């Protein structure tokens, strides 16, 4: 006997824009980051986090950019970043 579980997820498209001005003035050591203000979308809190000098040694010297869910709940999302 097998049991099946079906999960229905509501697909929603939302967006927000964050602008980082004067990027050359941000700390550029590996692991140093700057975050955008937090925004609420679909009952979750989100921010953009940039690491001008890279997030780790492997990305040293390259800008790293992440979409961060600041809410404690587990969530699933897809995103597009335009530079």
N, C-alpha and C. Protein backbone atom coordinates (compact mmCIF):
# COMPACT_ATOMS: atom_id res chain seq x y z
N UNK A 1 0.84 -1.17 0.00
CA UNK A 1 0.00 0.00 0.00
C UNK A 1 0.89 1.23 0.00
N UNK A 2 0.59 2.18 -0.87
CA UNK A 2 1.38 3.42 -0.90
C UNK A 2 0.47 4.61 -0.60
N UNK A 3 1.09 5.62 -0.09
CA UNK A 3 0.36 6.84 0.24
C UNK A 3 0.93 7.97 -0.60
N UNK A 4 0.08 8.75 -1.21
CA UNK A 4 0.52 9.89 -2.01
C UNK A 4 0.12 11.18 -1.32
N UNK A 5 1.00 12.12 -1.38
CA UNK A 5 0.72 13.44 -0.82
C UNK A 5 0.83 14.45 -1.95
N UNK A 6 -0.16 15.27 -2.10
CA UNK A 6 -0.14 16.30 -3.14
C UNK A 6 -0.08 17.66 -2.48
N UNK A 7 0.84 18.47 -2.96
CA UNK A 7 0.97 19.83 -2.44
C UNK A 7 0.67 20.80 -3.56
N UNK A 8 -0.22 21.69 -3.32
CA UNK A 8 -0.52 22.73 -4.31
C UNK A 8 0.12 24.03 -3.86
N UNK A 9 0.90 24.60 -4.75
CA UNK A 9 1.57 25.85 -4.44
C UNK A 9 0.99 26.95 -5.31
N UNK A 10 0.71 28.07 -4.69
CA UNK A 10 0.21 29.22 -5.42
C UNK A 10 1.39 29.91 -6.10
N UNK A 11 1.32 30.05 -7.40
CA UNK A 11 2.39 30.72 -8.13
C UNK A 11 2.05 32.20 -8.23
N UNK A 12 2.93 33.01 -7.74
CA UNK A 12 2.72 34.45 -7.75
C UNK A 12 3.96 35.12 -8.32
N UNK A 13 3.75 36.12 -9.13
CA UNK A 13 4.88 36.88 -9.64
C UNK A 13 4.87 38.26 -9.02
N UNK A 14 5.93 38.57 -8.32
CA UNK A 14 6.11 39.89 -7.71
C UNK A 14 7.53 40.34 -8.02
N UNK A 15 7.78 41.60 -7.82
CA UNK A 15 9.13 42.09 -8.07
C UNK A 15 9.44 43.28 -7.18
N UNK A 16 10.73 43.52 -7.03
CA UNK A 16 11.17 44.74 -6.38
C UNK A 16 12.52 45.12 -6.96
N UNK A 17 12.83 46.38 -6.86
CA UNK A 17 14.08 46.90 -7.40
C UNK A 17 14.90 47.49 -6.27
N UNK A 18 16.17 47.20 -6.29
CA UNK A 18 17.08 47.77 -5.31
C UNK A 18 18.28 48.34 -6.07
N UNK A 19 18.69 49.53 -5.72
CA UNK A 19 19.80 50.18 -6.41
C UNK A 19 20.92 50.44 -5.41
N UNK A 20 22.12 50.06 -5.79
CA UNK A 20 23.31 50.31 -4.98
C UNK A 20 24.13 51.37 -5.72
N UNK A 21 24.27 52.54 -5.11
CA UNK A 21 24.97 53.67 -5.73
C UNK A 21 26.36 53.78 -5.16
N UNK A 22 27.33 54.11 -6.00
CA UNK A 22 28.70 54.30 -5.52
C UNK A 22 29.37 53.02 -5.11
N UNK A 23 29.17 51.99 -5.89
CA UNK A 23 29.67 50.65 -5.55
C UNK A 23 31.18 50.64 -5.27
N UNK A 24 31.94 51.49 -5.94
CA UNK A 24 33.39 51.50 -5.73
C UNK A 24 33.76 51.96 -4.31
N UNK A 25 32.82 52.60 -3.60
CA UNK A 25 33.08 53.05 -2.23
C UNK A 25 32.73 52.02 -1.17
N UNK A 26 32.15 50.89 -1.57
CA UNK A 26 31.78 49.86 -0.60
C UNK A 26 33.01 49.04 -0.21
N UNK A 27 33.01 48.45 1.01
CA UNK A 27 34.14 47.59 1.41
C UNK A 27 34.28 46.45 0.41
N UNK A 28 35.53 46.18 -0.02
CA UNK A 28 35.71 45.14 -1.03
C UNK A 28 36.50 43.93 -0.53
N UNK A 29 36.60 43.78 0.79
CA UNK A 29 37.27 42.58 1.30
C UNK A 29 36.32 41.39 1.18
N UNK A 30 36.89 40.22 1.01
CA UNK A 30 36.09 39.00 0.85
C UNK A 30 35.19 38.82 2.07
N UNK A 31 33.92 38.57 1.84
CA UNK A 31 32.96 38.33 2.92
C UNK A 31 32.26 39.57 3.44
N UNK A 32 32.75 40.76 3.08
CA UNK A 32 32.07 42.00 3.50
C UNK A 32 30.88 42.24 2.58
N UNK A 33 29.74 42.56 3.18
CA UNK A 33 28.56 42.76 2.34
C UNK A 33 27.76 43.97 2.74
N UNK A 34 26.89 44.38 1.84
CA UNK A 34 25.93 45.45 2.05
C UNK A 34 24.58 44.90 1.64
N UNK A 35 23.54 45.20 2.43
CA UNK A 35 22.19 44.71 2.13
C UNK A 35 21.27 45.87 1.75
N UNK A 36 20.33 45.56 0.89
CA UNK A 36 19.28 46.52 0.56
C UNK A 36 18.32 46.61 1.74
N UNK A 37 17.45 47.60 1.73
CA UNK A 37 16.37 47.59 2.72
C UNK A 37 15.51 46.33 2.52
N UNK A 38 14.91 45.85 3.57
CA UNK A 38 14.04 44.67 3.51
C UNK A 38 12.68 45.07 2.97
N UNK A 39 12.13 44.23 2.09
CA UNK A 39 10.79 44.46 1.55
C UNK A 39 9.92 43.24 1.86
N UNK A 40 8.62 43.46 2.00
CA UNK A 40 7.69 42.36 2.25
C UNK A 40 6.97 42.02 0.95
N UNK A 41 7.08 40.77 0.55
CA UNK A 41 6.40 40.26 -0.64
C UNK A 41 5.77 38.92 -0.29
N UNK A 42 4.48 38.79 -0.50
CA UNK A 42 3.78 37.52 -0.26
C UNK A 42 4.04 36.97 1.15
N UNK A 43 3.93 37.81 2.15
CA UNK A 43 4.09 37.42 3.56
C UNK A 43 5.49 36.95 3.92
N UNK A 44 6.47 37.28 3.12
CA UNK A 44 7.87 36.97 3.42
C UNK A 44 8.67 38.26 3.30
N UNK A 45 9.76 38.34 4.04
CA UNK A 45 10.63 39.50 3.99
C UNK A 45 11.90 39.15 3.21
N UNK A 46 12.27 40.03 2.27
CA UNK A 46 13.36 39.78 1.35
C UNK A 46 14.33 40.95 1.30
N UNK A 47 15.57 40.65 0.97
CA UNK A 47 16.55 41.71 0.71
C UNK A 47 17.54 41.20 -0.34
N UNK A 48 18.29 42.13 -0.88
CA UNK A 48 19.39 41.81 -1.79
C UNK A 48 20.67 42.04 -1.00
N UNK A 49 21.58 41.10 -1.08
CA UNK A 49 22.86 41.22 -0.39
C UNK A 49 23.97 41.16 -1.43
N UNK A 50 24.83 42.18 -1.44
CA UNK A 50 25.96 42.18 -2.37
C UNK A 50 27.28 42.12 -1.60
N UNK A 51 28.19 41.37 -2.16
CA UNK A 51 29.54 41.23 -1.64
C UNK A 51 30.48 41.77 -2.72
N UNK A 52 30.87 43.06 -2.64
CA UNK A 52 31.69 43.65 -3.70
C UNK A 52 33.02 42.93 -3.95
N UNK A 53 33.62 42.34 -2.93
CA UNK A 53 34.90 41.64 -3.10
C UNK A 53 34.75 40.14 -3.20
N UNK A 54 33.50 39.66 -3.26
CA UNK A 54 33.25 38.22 -3.33
C UNK A 54 32.79 37.68 -2.00
N UNK A 55 31.97 36.64 -2.04
CA UNK A 55 31.43 36.05 -0.82
C UNK A 55 32.46 35.13 -0.13
N UNK A 56 33.36 34.54 -0.91
CA UNK A 56 34.36 33.63 -0.35
C UNK A 56 35.63 33.69 -1.21
N UNK A 57 36.64 32.91 -0.84
CA UNK A 57 37.92 32.94 -1.57
C UNK A 57 37.76 32.53 -3.03
N UNK A 58 36.85 31.63 -3.29
CA UNK A 58 36.63 31.17 -4.66
C UNK A 58 36.11 32.29 -5.57
N UNK A 59 35.34 33.21 -5.00
CA UNK A 59 34.78 34.31 -5.79
C UNK A 59 35.52 35.63 -5.55
N UNK A 60 36.66 35.57 -4.90
CA UNK A 60 37.44 36.78 -4.59
C UNK A 60 37.67 37.62 -5.85
N UNK A 61 37.41 38.92 -5.73
CA UNK A 61 37.62 39.84 -6.83
C UNK A 61 36.43 39.96 -7.77
N UNK A 62 35.36 39.22 -7.48
CA UNK A 62 34.16 39.27 -8.31
C UNK A 62 32.97 39.62 -7.42
N UNK A 63 32.09 40.46 -7.93
CA UNK A 63 30.88 40.83 -7.20
C UNK A 63 29.99 39.60 -7.03
N UNK A 64 29.56 39.33 -5.80
CA UNK A 64 28.59 38.27 -5.53
C UNK A 64 27.29 38.93 -5.11
N UNK A 65 26.17 38.41 -5.60
CA UNK A 65 24.86 39.00 -5.33
C UNK A 65 23.88 37.90 -4.98
N UNK A 66 23.12 38.08 -3.89
CA UNK A 66 22.18 37.06 -3.43
C UNK A 66 20.83 37.68 -3.10
N UNK A 67 19.78 36.95 -3.38
CA UNK A 67 18.45 37.29 -2.91
C UNK A 67 18.28 36.54 -1.60
N UNK A 68 17.98 37.25 -0.51
CA UNK A 68 17.94 36.64 0.82
C UNK A 68 16.51 36.70 1.37
N UNK A 69 16.00 35.54 1.79
CA UNK A 69 14.72 35.50 2.49
C UNK A 69 15.02 35.72 3.96
N UNK A 70 14.56 36.83 4.50
CA UNK A 70 14.84 37.20 5.89
C UNK A 70 13.83 36.59 6.86
N UNK A 71 12.81 35.92 6.34
CA UNK A 71 11.77 35.31 7.18
C UNK A 71 12.24 33.93 7.65
N UNK A 72 11.80 33.50 8.84
CA UNK A 72 12.25 32.21 9.37
C UNK A 72 11.62 31.00 8.68
N UNK A 73 10.49 31.21 8.00
CA UNK A 73 9.81 30.09 7.35
C UNK A 73 10.60 29.61 6.13
N UNK A 74 10.52 28.33 5.86
CA UNK A 74 11.12 27.79 4.66
C UNK A 74 10.31 28.25 3.47
N UNK A 75 10.99 28.64 2.42
CA UNK A 75 10.28 29.10 1.23
C UNK A 75 11.02 28.67 -0.01
N UNK A 76 10.36 28.72 -1.10
CA UNK A 76 10.93 28.35 -2.38
C UNK A 76 10.66 29.49 -3.36
N UNK A 77 11.69 29.91 -4.07
CA UNK A 77 11.51 31.03 -4.98
C UNK A 77 12.46 30.93 -6.14
N UNK A 78 12.10 31.52 -7.24
CA UNK A 78 13.03 31.69 -8.35
C UNK A 78 13.16 33.19 -8.57
N UNK A 79 14.28 33.60 -9.12
CA UNK A 79 14.51 35.04 -9.28
C UNK A 79 15.40 35.32 -10.48
N UNK A 80 15.37 36.57 -10.88
CA UNK A 80 16.24 37.04 -11.96
C UNK A 80 16.88 38.33 -11.48
N UNK A 81 18.18 38.42 -11.68
CA UNK A 81 18.93 39.62 -11.30
C UNK A 81 19.45 40.26 -12.58
N UNK A 82 19.19 41.55 -12.73
CA UNK A 82 19.68 42.30 -13.88
C UNK A 82 20.70 43.33 -13.40
N UNK A 83 21.81 43.40 -14.09
CA UNK A 83 22.86 44.35 -13.72
C UNK A 83 23.06 45.31 -14.87
